[in-house]
mmCIF file of all heavy atoms, coordinates in Angstrom:
data_MODEL
# 
_entry.id   MODEL 
# 
loop_
_atom_site.group_PDB 
_atom_site.id 
_atom_site.type_symbol 
_atom_site.label_atom_id 
_atom_site.label_alt_id 
_atom_site.label_comp_id 
_atom_site.label_asym_id 
_atom_site.label_entity_id 
_atom_site.label_seq_id 
_atom_site.pdbx_PDB_ins_code 
_atom_site.Cartn_x 
_atom_site.Cartn_y 
_atom_site.Cartn_z 
_atom_site.occupancy 
_atom_site.B_iso_or_equiv 
_atom_site.pdbx_formal_charge 
_atom_site.auth_seq_id 
_atom_site.auth_comp_id 
_atom_site.auth_asym_id 
_atom_site.auth_atom_id 
_atom_site.pdbx_PDB_model_num 
ATOM 1   N N   . GLU A 1 1  ? 181.465 -48.275 103.790 1.00 0.00 ? 1  GLU A N   1 
ATOM 2   C CA  . GLU A 1 1  ? 180.995 -49.037 105.002 1.00 0.00 ? 1  GLU A CA  1 
ATOM 3   C C   . GLU A 1 1  ? 181.111 -48.275 106.273 1.00 0.00 ? 1  GLU A C   1 
ATOM 4   O O   . GLU A 1 1  ? 180.193 -48.283 107.143 1.00 0.00 ? 1  GLU A O   1 
ATOM 5   C CB  . GLU A 1 1  ? 181.780 -50.298 105.009 1.00 0.00 ? 1  GLU A CB  1 
ATOM 6   C CG  . GLU A 1 1  ? 181.357 -51.251 106.144 1.00 0.00 ? 1  GLU A CG  1 
ATOM 7   C CD  . GLU A 1 1  ? 182.186 -52.603 106.062 1.00 0.00 ? 1  GLU A CD  1 
ATOM 8   O OE1 . GLU A 1 1  ? 183.077 -52.753 105.241 1.00 0.00 ? 1  GLU A OE1 1 
ATOM 9   O OE2 . GLU A 1 1  ? 181.880 -53.426 107.074 1.00 0.00 ? 1  GLU A OE2 1 
ATOM 10  N N   . VAL A 1 2  ? 182.154 -47.430 106.420 1.00 0.00 ? 2  VAL A N   1 
ATOM 11  C CA  . VAL A 1 2  ? 182.322 -46.540 107.555 1.00 0.00 ? 2  VAL A CA  1 
ATOM 12  C C   . VAL A 1 2  ? 181.219 -45.520 107.573 1.00 0.00 ? 2  VAL A C   1 
ATOM 13  O O   . VAL A 1 2  ? 180.605 -45.231 108.632 1.00 0.00 ? 2  VAL A O   1 
ATOM 14  C CB  . VAL A 1 2  ? 183.742 -45.926 107.449 1.00 0.00 ? 2  VAL A CB  1 
ATOM 15  C CG1 . VAL A 1 2  ? 183.750 -44.796 108.556 1.00 0.00 ? 2  VAL A CG1 1 
ATOM 16  C CG2 . VAL A 1 2  ? 184.793 -46.851 107.725 1.00 0.00 ? 2  VAL A CG2 1 
ATOM 17  N N   . ILE A 1 3  ? 180.867 -44.991 106.380 1.00 0.00 ? 3  ILE A N   1 
ATOM 18  C CA  . ILE A 1 3  ? 179.779 -43.963 106.361 1.00 0.00 ? 3  ILE A CA  1 
ATOM 19  C C   . ILE A 1 3  ? 178.429 -44.651 106.813 1.00 0.00 ? 3  ILE A C   1 
ATOM 20  O O   . ILE A 1 3  ? 177.698 -44.059 107.579 1.00 0.00 ? 3  ILE A O   1 
ATOM 21  C CB  . ILE A 1 3  ? 179.624 -43.503 104.892 1.00 0.00 ? 3  ILE A CB  1 
ATOM 22  C CG1 . ILE A 1 3  ? 180.833 -42.549 104.574 1.00 0.00 ? 3  ILE A CG1 1 
ATOM 23  C CG2 . ILE A 1 3  ? 178.363 -42.666 104.692 1.00 0.00 ? 3  ILE A CG2 1 
ATOM 24  C CD1 . ILE A 1 3  ? 180.892 -42.160 103.088 1.00 0.00 ? 3  ILE A CD1 1 
ATOM 25  N N   . GLN A 1 4  ? 178.200 -45.831 106.373 1.00 0.00 ? 4  GLN A N   1 
ATOM 26  C CA  . GLN A 1 4  ? 176.955 -46.563 106.780 1.00 0.00 ? 4  GLN A CA  1 
ATOM 27  C C   . GLN A 1 4  ? 177.014 -46.836 108.248 1.00 0.00 ? 4  GLN A C   1 
ATOM 28  O O   . GLN A 1 4  ? 175.950 -46.729 108.970 1.00 0.00 ? 4  GLN A O   1 
ATOM 29  C CB  . GLN A 1 4  ? 176.780 -47.811 105.971 1.00 0.00 ? 4  GLN A CB  1 
ATOM 30  C CG  . GLN A 1 4  ? 175.465 -48.496 106.167 1.00 0.00 ? 4  GLN A CG  1 
ATOM 31  C CD  . GLN A 1 4  ? 175.246 -49.710 105.321 1.00 0.00 ? 4  GLN A CD  1 
ATOM 32  O OE1 . GLN A 1 4  ? 176.163 -50.033 104.572 1.00 0.00 ? 4  GLN A OE1 1 
ATOM 33  N NE2 . GLN A 1 4  ? 174.139 -50.327 105.391 1.00 0.00 ? 4  GLN A NE2 1 
ATOM 34  N N   . THR A 1 5  ? 178.150 -47.283 108.753 1.00 0.00 ? 5  THR A N   1 
ATOM 35  C CA  . THR A 1 5  ? 178.242 -47.685 110.132 1.00 0.00 ? 5  THR A CA  1 
ATOM 36  C C   . THR A 1 5  ? 178.060 -46.466 111.140 1.00 0.00 ? 5  THR A C   1 
ATOM 37  O O   . THR A 1 5  ? 177.380 -46.510 112.093 1.00 0.00 ? 5  THR A O   1 
ATOM 38  C CB  . THR A 1 5  ? 179.619 -48.313 110.427 1.00 0.00 ? 5  THR A CB  1 
ATOM 39  O OG1 . THR A 1 5  ? 179.816 -49.429 109.622 1.00 0.00 ? 5  THR A OG1 1 
ATOM 40  C CG2 . THR A 1 5  ? 179.736 -48.811 111.940 1.00 0.00 ? 5  THR A CG2 1 
ATOM 41  N N   . GLN A 1 6  ? 178.676 -45.379 110.705 1.00 0.00 ? 6  GLN A N   1 
ATOM 42  C CA  . GLN A 1 6  ? 178.503 -44.105 111.555 1.00 0.00 ? 6  GLN A CA  1 
ATOM 43  C C   . GLN A 1 6  ? 177.192 -43.404 111.245 1.00 0.00 ? 6  GLN A C   1 
ATOM 44  O O   . GLN A 1 6  ? 176.914 -42.357 111.917 1.00 0.00 ? 6  GLN A O   1 
ATOM 45  C CB  . GLN A 1 6  ? 179.728 -43.161 111.292 1.00 0.00 ? 6  GLN A CB  1 
ATOM 46  C CG  . GLN A 1 6  ? 181.022 -43.799 111.672 1.00 0.00 ? 6  GLN A CG  1 
ATOM 47  C CD  . GLN A 1 6  ? 182.175 -42.815 111.457 1.00 0.00 ? 6  GLN A CD  1 
ATOM 48  O OE1 . GLN A 1 6  ? 181.974 -41.703 111.051 1.00 0.00 ? 6  GLN A OE1 1 
ATOM 49  N NE2 . GLN A 1 6  ? 183.366 -43.305 111.787 1.00 0.00 ? 6  GLN A NE2 1 
ATOM 50  N N   . GLY A 1 7  ? 176.419 -43.809 110.262 1.00 0.00 ? 7  GLY A N   1 
ATOM 51  C CA  . GLY A 1 7  ? 175.151 -43.130 109.995 1.00 0.00 ? 7  GLY A CA  1 
ATOM 52  C C   . GLY A 1 7  ? 175.314 -41.690 109.403 1.00 0.00 ? 7  GLY A C   1 
ATOM 53  O O   . GLY A 1 7  ? 174.454 -40.889 109.726 1.00 0.00 ? 7  GLY A O   1 
ATOM 54  N N   . LEU A 1 8  ? 176.275 -41.437 108.599 1.00 0.00 ? 8  LEU A N   1 
ATOM 55  C CA  . LEU A 1 8  ? 176.573 -40.131 108.096 1.00 0.00 ? 8  LEU A CA  1 
ATOM 56  C C   . LEU A 1 8  ? 175.694 -39.886 106.968 1.00 0.00 ? 8  LEU A C   1 
ATOM 57  O O   . LEU A 1 8  ? 175.417 -40.713 106.091 1.00 0.00 ? 8  LEU A O   1 
ATOM 58  C CB  . LEU A 1 8  ? 178.078 -39.987 107.631 1.00 0.00 ? 8  LEU A CB  1 
ATOM 59  C CG  . LEU A 1 8  ? 179.066 -40.258 108.672 1.00 0.00 ? 8  LEU A CG  1 
ATOM 60  C CD1 . LEU A 1 8  ? 180.503 -40.080 108.045 1.00 0.00 ? 8  LEU A CD1 1 
ATOM 61  C CD2 . LEU A 1 8  ? 178.969 -39.444 109.883 1.00 0.00 ? 8  LEU A CD2 1 
ATOM 62  N N   . THR A 1 9  ? 175.089 -38.665 106.900 1.00 0.00 ? 9  THR A N   1 
ATOM 63  C CA  . THR A 1 9  ? 174.165 -38.264 105.853 1.00 0.00 ? 9  THR A CA  1 
ATOM 64  C C   . THR A 1 9  ? 174.527 -36.791 105.337 1.00 0.00 ? 9  THR A C   1 
ATOM 65  O O   . THR A 1 9  ? 175.219 -36.100 106.090 1.00 0.00 ? 9  THR A O   1 
ATOM 66  C CB  . THR A 1 9  ? 172.722 -38.323 106.248 1.00 0.00 ? 9  THR A CB  1 
ATOM 67  O OG1 . THR A 1 9  ? 172.527 -37.421 107.408 1.00 0.00 ? 9  THR A OG1 1 
ATOM 68  C CG2 . THR A 1 9  ? 172.255 -39.798 106.630 1.00 0.00 ? 9  THR A CG2 1 
ATOM 69  N N   . ASP A 1 10 ? 174.018 -36.485 104.212 1.00 0.00 ? 10 ASP A N   1 
ATOM 70  C CA  . ASP A 1 10 ? 174.059 -35.117 103.691 1.00 0.00 ? 10 ASP A CA  1 
ATOM 71  C C   . ASP A 1 10 ? 175.470 -34.523 103.661 1.00 0.00 ? 10 ASP A C   1 
ATOM 72  O O   . ASP A 1 10 ? 176.391 -35.225 103.204 1.00 0.00 ? 10 ASP A O   1 
ATOM 73  C CB  . ASP A 1 10 ? 173.137 -34.255 104.414 1.00 0.00 ? 10 ASP A CB  1 
ATOM 74  C CG  . ASP A 1 10 ? 171.639 -34.727 104.340 1.00 0.00 ? 10 ASP A CG  1 
ATOM 75  O OD1 . ASP A 1 10 ? 171.327 -35.341 103.348 1.00 0.00 ? 10 ASP A OD1 1 
ATOM 76  O OD2 . ASP A 1 10 ? 170.850 -34.515 105.256 1.00 0.00 ? 10 ASP A OD2 1 
ATOM 77  N N   . GLU A 1 11 ? 175.659 -33.393 104.285 1.00 0.00 ? 11 GLU A N   1 
ATOM 78  C CA  . GLU A 1 11 ? 176.970 -32.745 104.172 1.00 0.00 ? 11 GLU A CA  1 
ATOM 79  C C   . GLU A 1 11 ? 178.079 -33.524 104.883 1.00 0.00 ? 11 GLU A C   1 
ATOM 80  O O   . GLU A 1 11 ? 179.224 -33.519 104.389 1.00 0.00 ? 11 GLU A O   1 
ATOM 81  C CB  . GLU A 1 11 ? 176.822 -31.352 104.856 1.00 0.00 ? 11 GLU A CB  1 
ATOM 82  C CG  . GLU A 1 11 ? 178.136 -30.536 104.720 1.00 0.00 ? 11 GLU A CG  1 
ATOM 83  C CD  . GLU A 1 11 ? 178.611 -30.310 103.299 1.00 0.00 ? 11 GLU A CD  1 
ATOM 84  O OE1 . GLU A 1 11 ? 177.737 -30.319 102.341 1.00 0.00 ? 11 GLU A OE1 1 
ATOM 85  O OE2 . GLU A 1 11 ? 179.803 -30.151 103.015 1.00 0.00 ? 11 GLU A OE2 1 
ATOM 86  N N   . LYS A 1 12 ? 177.768 -34.192 106.000 1.00 0.00 ? 12 LYS A N   1 
ATOM 87  C CA  . LYS A 1 12 ? 178.831 -34.990 106.676 1.00 0.00 ? 12 LYS A CA  1 
ATOM 88  C C   . LYS A 1 12 ? 179.233 -36.243 105.804 1.00 0.00 ? 12 LYS A C   1 
ATOM 89  O O   . LYS A 1 12 ? 180.407 -36.513 105.760 1.00 0.00 ? 12 LYS A O   1 
ATOM 90  C CB  . LYS A 1 12 ? 178.245 -35.522 108.029 1.00 0.00 ? 12 LYS A CB  1 
ATOM 91  C CG  . LYS A 1 12 ? 178.085 -34.455 109.065 1.00 0.00 ? 12 LYS A CG  1 
ATOM 92  C CD  . LYS A 1 12 ? 177.554 -35.053 110.387 1.00 0.00 ? 12 LYS A CD  1 
ATOM 93  C CE  . LYS A 1 12 ? 177.358 -34.001 111.435 1.00 0.00 ? 12 LYS A CE  1 
ATOM 94  N NZ  . LYS A 1 12 ? 176.883 -34.494 112.726 1.00 0.00 ? 12 LYS A NZ  1 
ATOM 95  N N   . LYS A 1 13 ? 178.289 -36.797 105.113 1.00 0.00 ? 13 LYS A N   1 
ATOM 96  C CA  . LYS A 1 13 ? 178.683 -37.880 104.159 1.00 0.00 ? 13 LYS A CA  1 
ATOM 97  C C   . LYS A 1 13 ? 179.520 -37.283 103.019 1.00 0.00 ? 13 LYS A C   1 
ATOM 98  O O   . LYS A 1 13 ? 180.434 -38.020 102.618 1.00 0.00 ? 13 LYS A O   1 
ATOM 99  C CB  . LYS A 1 13 ? 177.370 -38.560 103.675 1.00 0.00 ? 13 LYS A CB  1 
ATOM 100 C CG  . LYS A 1 13 ? 177.494 -39.721 102.732 1.00 0.00 ? 13 LYS A CG  1 
ATOM 101 C CD  . LYS A 1 13 ? 176.261 -40.265 102.332 1.00 0.00 ? 13 LYS A CD  1 
ATOM 102 C CE  . LYS A 1 13 ? 176.385 -41.449 101.403 1.00 0.00 ? 13 LYS A CE  1 
ATOM 103 N NZ  . LYS A 1 13 ? 175.059 -42.070 100.987 1.00 0.00 ? 13 LYS A NZ  1 
ATOM 104 N N   . ARG A 1 14 ? 179.103 -36.220 102.530 1.00 0.00 ? 14 ARG A N   1 
ATOM 105 C CA  . ARG A 1 14 ? 179.842 -35.580 101.380 1.00 0.00 ? 14 ARG A CA  1 
ATOM 106 C C   . ARG A 1 14 ? 181.191 -35.244 101.784 1.00 0.00 ? 14 ARG A C   1 
ATOM 107 O O   . ARG A 1 14 ? 182.245 -35.520 101.100 1.00 0.00 ? 14 ARG A O   1 
ATOM 108 C CB  . ARG A 1 14 ? 179.174 -34.324 100.928 1.00 0.00 ? 14 ARG A CB  1 
ATOM 109 C CG  . ARG A 1 14 ? 179.872 -33.573 99.836  1.00 0.00 ? 14 ARG A CG  1 
ATOM 110 C CD  . ARG A 1 14 ? 179.139 -32.309 99.370  1.00 0.00 ? 14 ARG A CD  1 
ATOM 111 N NE  . ARG A 1 14 ? 179.867 -31.511 98.467  1.00 0.00 ? 14 ARG A NE  1 
ATOM 112 C CZ  . ARG A 1 14 ? 180.686 -30.539 98.888  1.00 0.00 ? 14 ARG A CZ  1 
ATOM 113 N NH1 . ARG A 1 14 ? 180.902 -30.310 100.121 1.00 0.00 ? 14 ARG A NH1 1 
ATOM 114 N NH2 . ARG A 1 14 ? 181.292 -29.855 97.900  1.00 0.00 ? 14 ARG A NH2 1 
ATOM 115 N N   . GLN A 1 15 ? 181.390 -34.703 103.037 1.00 0.00 ? 15 GLN A N   1 
ATOM 116 C CA  . GLN A 1 15 ? 182.705 -34.250 103.502 1.00 0.00 ? 15 GLN A CA  1 
ATOM 117 C C   . GLN A 1 15 ? 183.650 -35.479 103.651 1.00 0.00 ? 15 GLN A C   1 
ATOM 118 O O   . GLN A 1 15 ? 184.794 -35.502 103.449 1.00 0.00 ? 15 GLN A O   1 
ATOM 119 C CB  . GLN A 1 15 ? 182.621 -33.475 104.741 1.00 0.00 ? 15 GLN A CB  1 
ATOM 120 C CG  . GLN A 1 15 ? 183.916 -32.763 105.141 1.00 0.00 ? 15 GLN A CG  1 
ATOM 121 C CD  . GLN A 1 15 ? 184.425 -31.814 104.063 1.00 0.00 ? 15 GLN A CD  1 
ATOM 122 O OE1 . GLN A 1 15 ? 183.665 -31.009 103.485 1.00 0.00 ? 15 GLN A OE1 1 
ATOM 123 N NE2 . GLN A 1 15 ? 185.723 -31.813 103.776 1.00 0.00 ? 15 GLN A NE2 1 
ATOM 124 N N   . TYR A 1 16 ? 182.971 -36.484 104.241 1.00 0.00 ? 16 TYR A N   1 
ATOM 125 C CA  . TYR A 1 16 ? 183.852 -37.732 104.542 1.00 0.00 ? 16 TYR A CA  1 
ATOM 126 C C   . TYR A 1 16 ? 184.350 -38.402 103.198 1.00 0.00 ? 16 TYR A C   1 
ATOM 127 O O   . TYR A 1 16 ? 185.436 -38.818 103.072 1.00 0.00 ? 16 TYR A O   1 
ATOM 128 C CB  . TYR A 1 16 ? 183.007 -38.792 105.219 1.00 0.00 ? 16 TYR A CB  1 
ATOM 129 C CG  . TYR A 1 16 ? 183.753 -40.041 105.731 1.00 0.00 ? 16 TYR A CG  1 
ATOM 130 C CD1 . TYR A 1 16 ? 184.349 -39.953 107.016 1.00 0.00 ? 16 TYR A CD1 1 
ATOM 131 C CD2 . TYR A 1 16 ? 183.969 -41.150 104.945 1.00 0.00 ? 16 TYR A CD2 1 
ATOM 132 C CE1 . TYR A 1 16 ? 185.125 -41.155 107.490 1.00 0.00 ? 16 TYR A CE1 1 
ATOM 133 C CE2 . TYR A 1 16 ? 184.684 -42.173 105.322 1.00 0.00 ? 16 TYR A CE2 1 
ATOM 134 C CZ  . TYR A 1 16 ? 185.291 -42.134 106.615 1.00 0.00 ? 16 TYR A CZ  1 
ATOM 135 O OH  . TYR A 1 16 ? 186.090 -43.264 106.993 1.00 0.00 ? 16 TYR A OH  1 
ATOM 136 N N   . ARG A 1 17 ? 183.494 -38.335 102.170 1.00 0.00 ? 17 ARG A N   1 
ATOM 137 C CA  . ARG A 1 17 ? 183.959 -38.843 100.831 1.00 0.00 ? 17 ARG A CA  1 
ATOM 138 C C   . ARG A 1 17 ? 185.104 -37.986 100.355 1.00 0.00 ? 17 ARG A C   1 
ATOM 139 O O   . ARG A 1 17 ? 186.043 -38.486 99.749  1.00 0.00 ? 17 ARG A O   1 
ATOM 140 C CB  . ARG A 1 17 ? 182.783 -38.867 99.980  1.00 0.00 ? 17 ARG A CB  1 
ATOM 141 C CG  . ARG A 1 17 ? 181.786 -40.050 100.122 1.00 0.00 ? 17 ARG A CG  1 
ATOM 142 C CD  . ARG A 1 17 ? 180.659 -39.945 99.131  1.00 0.00 ? 17 ARG A CD  1 
ATOM 143 N NE  . ARG A 1 17 ? 179.803 -41.193 99.145  1.00 0.00 ? 17 ARG A NE  1 
ATOM 144 C CZ  . ARG A 1 17 ? 178.640 -41.355 98.505  1.00 0.00 ? 17 ARG A CZ  1 
ATOM 145 N NH1 . ARG A 1 17 ? 178.266 -40.338 97.705  1.00 0.00 ? 17 ARG A NH1 1 
ATOM 146 N NH2 . ARG A 1 17 ? 177.987 -42.447 98.552  1.00 0.00 ? 17 ARG A NH2 1 
ATOM 147 N N   . LEU A 1 18 ? 184.947 -36.665 100.416 1.00 0.00 ? 18 LEU A N   1 
ATOM 148 C CA  . LEU A 1 18 ? 185.969 -35.818 99.929  1.00 0.00 ? 18 LEU A CA  1 
ATOM 149 C C   . LEU A 1 18 ? 187.263 -35.993 100.710 1.00 0.00 ? 18 LEU A C   1 
ATOM 150 O O   . LEU A 1 18 ? 188.394 -35.951 100.085 1.00 0.00 ? 18 LEU A O   1 
ATOM 151 C CB  . LEU A 1 18 ? 185.517 -34.341 100.047 1.00 0.00 ? 18 LEU A CB  1 
ATOM 152 C CG  . LEU A 1 18 ? 184.409 -33.990 99.062  1.00 0.00 ? 18 LEU A CG  1 
ATOM 153 C CD1 . LEU A 1 18 ? 184.033 -32.475 99.334  1.00 0.00 ? 18 LEU A CD1 1 
ATOM 154 C CD2 . LEU A 1 18 ? 184.785 -34.084 97.565  1.00 0.00 ? 18 LEU A CD2 1 
ATOM 155 N N   . ASP A 1 19 ? 187.219 -36.275 101.987 1.00 0.00 ? 19 ASP A N   1 
ATOM 156 C CA  . ASP A 1 19 ? 188.427 -36.391 102.768 1.00 0.00 ? 19 ASP A CA  1 
ATOM 157 C C   . ASP A 1 19 ? 189.106 -37.751 102.637 1.00 0.00 ? 19 ASP A C   1 
ATOM 158 O O   . ASP A 1 19 ? 190.357 -37.880 102.657 1.00 0.00 ? 19 ASP A O   1 
ATOM 159 C CB  . ASP A 1 19 ? 188.118 -36.177 104.321 1.00 0.00 ? 19 ASP A CB  1 
ATOM 160 C CG  . ASP A 1 19 ? 187.708 -34.734 104.606 1.00 0.00 ? 19 ASP A CG  1 
ATOM 161 O OD1 . ASP A 1 19 ? 188.004 -33.864 103.686 1.00 0.00 ? 19 ASP A OD1 1 
ATOM 162 O OD2 . ASP A 1 19 ? 187.035 -34.442 105.595 1.00 0.00 ? 19 ASP A OD2 1 
ATOM 163 N N   . HIS A 1 20 ? 188.279 -38.842 102.419 1.00 0.00 ? 20 HIS A N   1 
ATOM 164 C CA  . HIS A 1 20 ? 188.842 -40.121 102.468 1.00 0.00 ? 20 HIS A CA  1 
ATOM 165 C C   . HIS A 1 20 ? 188.832 -40.830 101.078 1.00 0.00 ? 20 HIS A C   1 
ATOM 166 O O   . HIS A 1 20 ? 189.678 -41.534 100.707 1.00 0.00 ? 20 HIS A O   1 
ATOM 167 C CB  . HIS A 1 20 ? 188.157 -41.015 103.458 1.00 0.00 ? 20 HIS A CB  1 
ATOM 168 C CG  . HIS A 1 20 ? 188.260 -40.471 104.878 1.00 0.00 ? 20 HIS A CG  1 
ATOM 169 N ND1 . HIS A 1 20 ? 187.517 -39.535 105.448 1.00 0.00 ? 20 HIS A ND1 1 
ATOM 170 C CD2 . HIS A 1 20 ? 189.103 -40.903 105.847 1.00 0.00 ? 20 HIS A CD2 1 
ATOM 171 C CE1 . HIS A 1 20 ? 187.830 -39.323 106.655 1.00 0.00 ? 20 HIS A CE1 1 
ATOM 172 N NE2 . HIS A 1 20 ? 188.895 -40.114 106.985 1.00 0.00 ? 20 HIS A NE2 1 
ATOM 173 N N   . SER A 1 21 ? 187.712 -40.722 100.313 1.00 0.00 ? 21 SER A N   1 
ATOM 174 C CA  . SER A 1 21 ? 187.611 -41.382 99.001  1.00 0.00 ? 21 SER A CA  1 
ATOM 175 C C   . SER A 1 21 ? 188.179 -40.678 97.842  1.00 0.00 ? 21 SER A C   1 
ATOM 176 O O   . SER A 1 21 ? 188.729 -41.261 96.988  1.00 0.00 ? 21 SER A O   1 
ATOM 177 C CB  . SER A 1 21 ? 186.098 -41.684 98.754  1.00 0.00 ? 21 SER A CB  1 
ATOM 178 O OG  . SER A 1 21 ? 185.564 -42.542 99.723  1.00 0.00 ? 21 SER A OG  1 
ATOM 179 N N   . LYS A 1 22 ? 188.143 -39.398 97.888  1.00 0.00 ? 22 LYS A N   1 
ATOM 180 C CA  . LYS A 1 22 ? 188.676 -38.562 96.757  1.00 0.00 ? 22 LYS A CA  1 
ATOM 181 C C   . LYS A 1 22 ? 190.117 -38.747 96.535  1.00 0.00 ? 22 LYS A C   1 
ATOM 182 O O   . LYS A 1 22 ? 190.579 -39.031 95.432  1.00 0.00 ? 22 LYS A O   1 
ATOM 183 C CB  . LYS A 1 22 ? 188.383 -37.030 96.913  1.00 0.00 ? 22 LYS A CB  1 
ATOM 184 C CG  . LYS A 1 22 ? 188.646 -36.214 95.692  1.00 0.00 ? 22 LYS A CG  1 
ATOM 185 C CD  . LYS A 1 22 ? 188.334 -34.808 95.897  1.00 0.00 ? 22 LYS A CD  1 
ATOM 186 C CE  . LYS A 1 22 ? 188.549 -34.003 94.684  1.00 0.00 ? 22 LYS A CE  1 
ATOM 187 N NZ  . LYS A 1 22 ? 189.954 -34.011 94.268  1.00 0.00 ? 22 LYS A NZ  1 
ATOM 188 N N   . PRO A 1 23 ? 190.991 -38.820 97.572  1.00 0.00 ? 23 PRO A N   1 
ATOM 189 C CA  . PRO A 1 23 ? 192.429 -39.122 97.324  1.00 0.00 ? 23 PRO A CA  1 
ATOM 190 C C   . PRO A 1 23 ? 192.623 -40.460 96.696  1.00 0.00 ? 23 PRO A C   1 
ATOM 191 O O   . PRO A 1 23 ? 193.491 -40.709 95.818  1.00 0.00 ? 23 PRO A O   1 
ATOM 192 C CB  . PRO A 1 23 ? 193.067 -38.996 98.716  1.00 0.00 ? 23 PRO A CB  1 
ATOM 193 C CG  . PRO A 1 23 ? 192.170 -38.148 99.494  1.00 0.00 ? 23 PRO A CG  1 
ATOM 194 C CD  . PRO A 1 23 ? 190.819 -38.374 98.934  1.00 0.00 ? 23 PRO A CD  1 
ATOM 195 N N   . VAL A 1 24 ? 191.809 -41.488 97.122  1.00 0.00 ? 24 VAL A N   1 
ATOM 196 C CA  . VAL A 1 24 ? 191.964 -42.831 96.551  1.00 0.00 ? 24 VAL A CA  1 
ATOM 197 C C   . VAL A 1 24 ? 191.492 -42.791 95.174  1.00 0.00 ? 24 VAL A C   1 
ATOM 198 O O   . VAL A 1 24 ? 192.197 -43.474 94.299  1.00 0.00 ? 24 VAL A O   1 
ATOM 199 C CB  . VAL A 1 24 ? 191.060 -43.791 97.380  1.00 0.00 ? 24 VAL A CB  1 
ATOM 200 C CG1 . VAL A 1 24 ? 191.060 -45.177 96.818  1.00 0.00 ? 24 VAL A CG1 1 
ATOM 201 C CG2 . VAL A 1 24 ? 191.447 -43.868 98.838  1.00 0.00 ? 24 VAL A CG2 1 
ATOM 202 N N   . VAL A 1 25 ? 190.367 -42.074 94.796  1.00 0.00 ? 25 VAL A N   1 
ATOM 203 C CA  . VAL A 1 25 ? 189.970 -42.028 93.359  1.00 0.00 ? 25 VAL A CA  1 
ATOM 204 C C   . VAL A 1 25 ? 191.012 -41.403 92.496  1.00 0.00 ? 25 VAL A C   1 
ATOM 205 O O   . VAL A 1 25 ? 191.295 -41.857 91.355  1.00 0.00 ? 25 VAL A O   1 
ATOM 206 C CB  . VAL A 1 25 ? 188.610 -41.348 93.338  1.00 0.00 ? 25 VAL A CB  1 
ATOM 207 C CG1 . VAL A 1 25 ? 188.148 -41.210 91.838  1.00 0.00 ? 25 VAL A CG1 1 
ATOM 208 C CG2 . VAL A 1 25 ? 187.553 -42.206 94.027  1.00 0.00 ? 25 VAL A CG2 1 
ATOM 209 N N   . ASP A 1 26 ? 191.458 -40.223 92.970  1.00 0.00 ? 26 ASP A N   1 
ATOM 210 C CA  . ASP A 1 26 ? 192.552 -39.474 92.181  1.00 0.00 ? 26 ASP A CA  1 
ATOM 211 C C   . ASP A 1 26 ? 193.786 -40.359 91.926  1.00 0.00 ? 26 ASP A C   1 
ATOM 212 O O   . ASP A 1 26 ? 194.308 -40.360 90.844  1.00 0.00 ? 26 ASP A O   1 
ATOM 213 C CB  . ASP A 1 26 ? 192.900 -38.228 92.878  1.00 0.00 ? 26 ASP A CB  1 
ATOM 214 C CG  . ASP A 1 26 ? 191.734 -37.161 92.964  1.00 0.00 ? 26 ASP A CG  1 
ATOM 215 O OD1 . ASP A 1 26 ? 190.803 -37.412 92.094  1.00 0.00 ? 26 ASP A OD1 1 
ATOM 216 O OD2 . ASP A 1 26 ? 191.762 -36.333 93.783  1.00 0.00 ? 26 ASP A OD2 1 
ATOM 217 N N   . HIS A 1 27 ? 194.224 -41.060 92.945  1.00 0.00 ? 27 HIS A N   1 
ATOM 218 C CA  . HIS A 1 27 ? 195.415 -41.909 92.823  1.00 0.00 ? 27 HIS A CA  1 
ATOM 219 C C   . HIS A 1 27 ? 195.089 -43.102 91.825  1.00 0.00 ? 27 HIS A C   1 
ATOM 220 O O   . HIS A 1 27 ? 195.970 -43.535 91.075  1.00 0.00 ? 27 HIS A O   1 
ATOM 221 C CB  . HIS A 1 27 ? 195.843 -42.400 94.173  1.00 0.00 ? 27 HIS A CB  1 
ATOM 222 C CG  . HIS A 1 27 ? 196.978 -43.389 94.038  1.00 0.00 ? 27 HIS A CG  1 
ATOM 223 N ND1 . HIS A 1 27 ? 196.804 -44.785 93.997  1.00 0.00 ? 27 HIS A ND1 1 
ATOM 224 C CD2 . HIS A 1 27 ? 198.328 -43.186 94.089  1.00 0.00 ? 27 HIS A CD2 1 
ATOM 225 C CE1 . HIS A 1 27 ? 198.007 -45.341 93.854  1.00 0.00 ? 27 HIS A CE1 1 
ATOM 226 N NE2 . HIS A 1 27 ? 198.979 -44.340 93.977  1.00 0.00 ? 27 HIS A NE2 1 
# 
């Protein structure tokens, strides 16, 4: 939802997922 609100695409979207969603998924 944050990605959609901020309008992140491509590399910025990928980096946001790695920084915020990847720790959640690994845990």
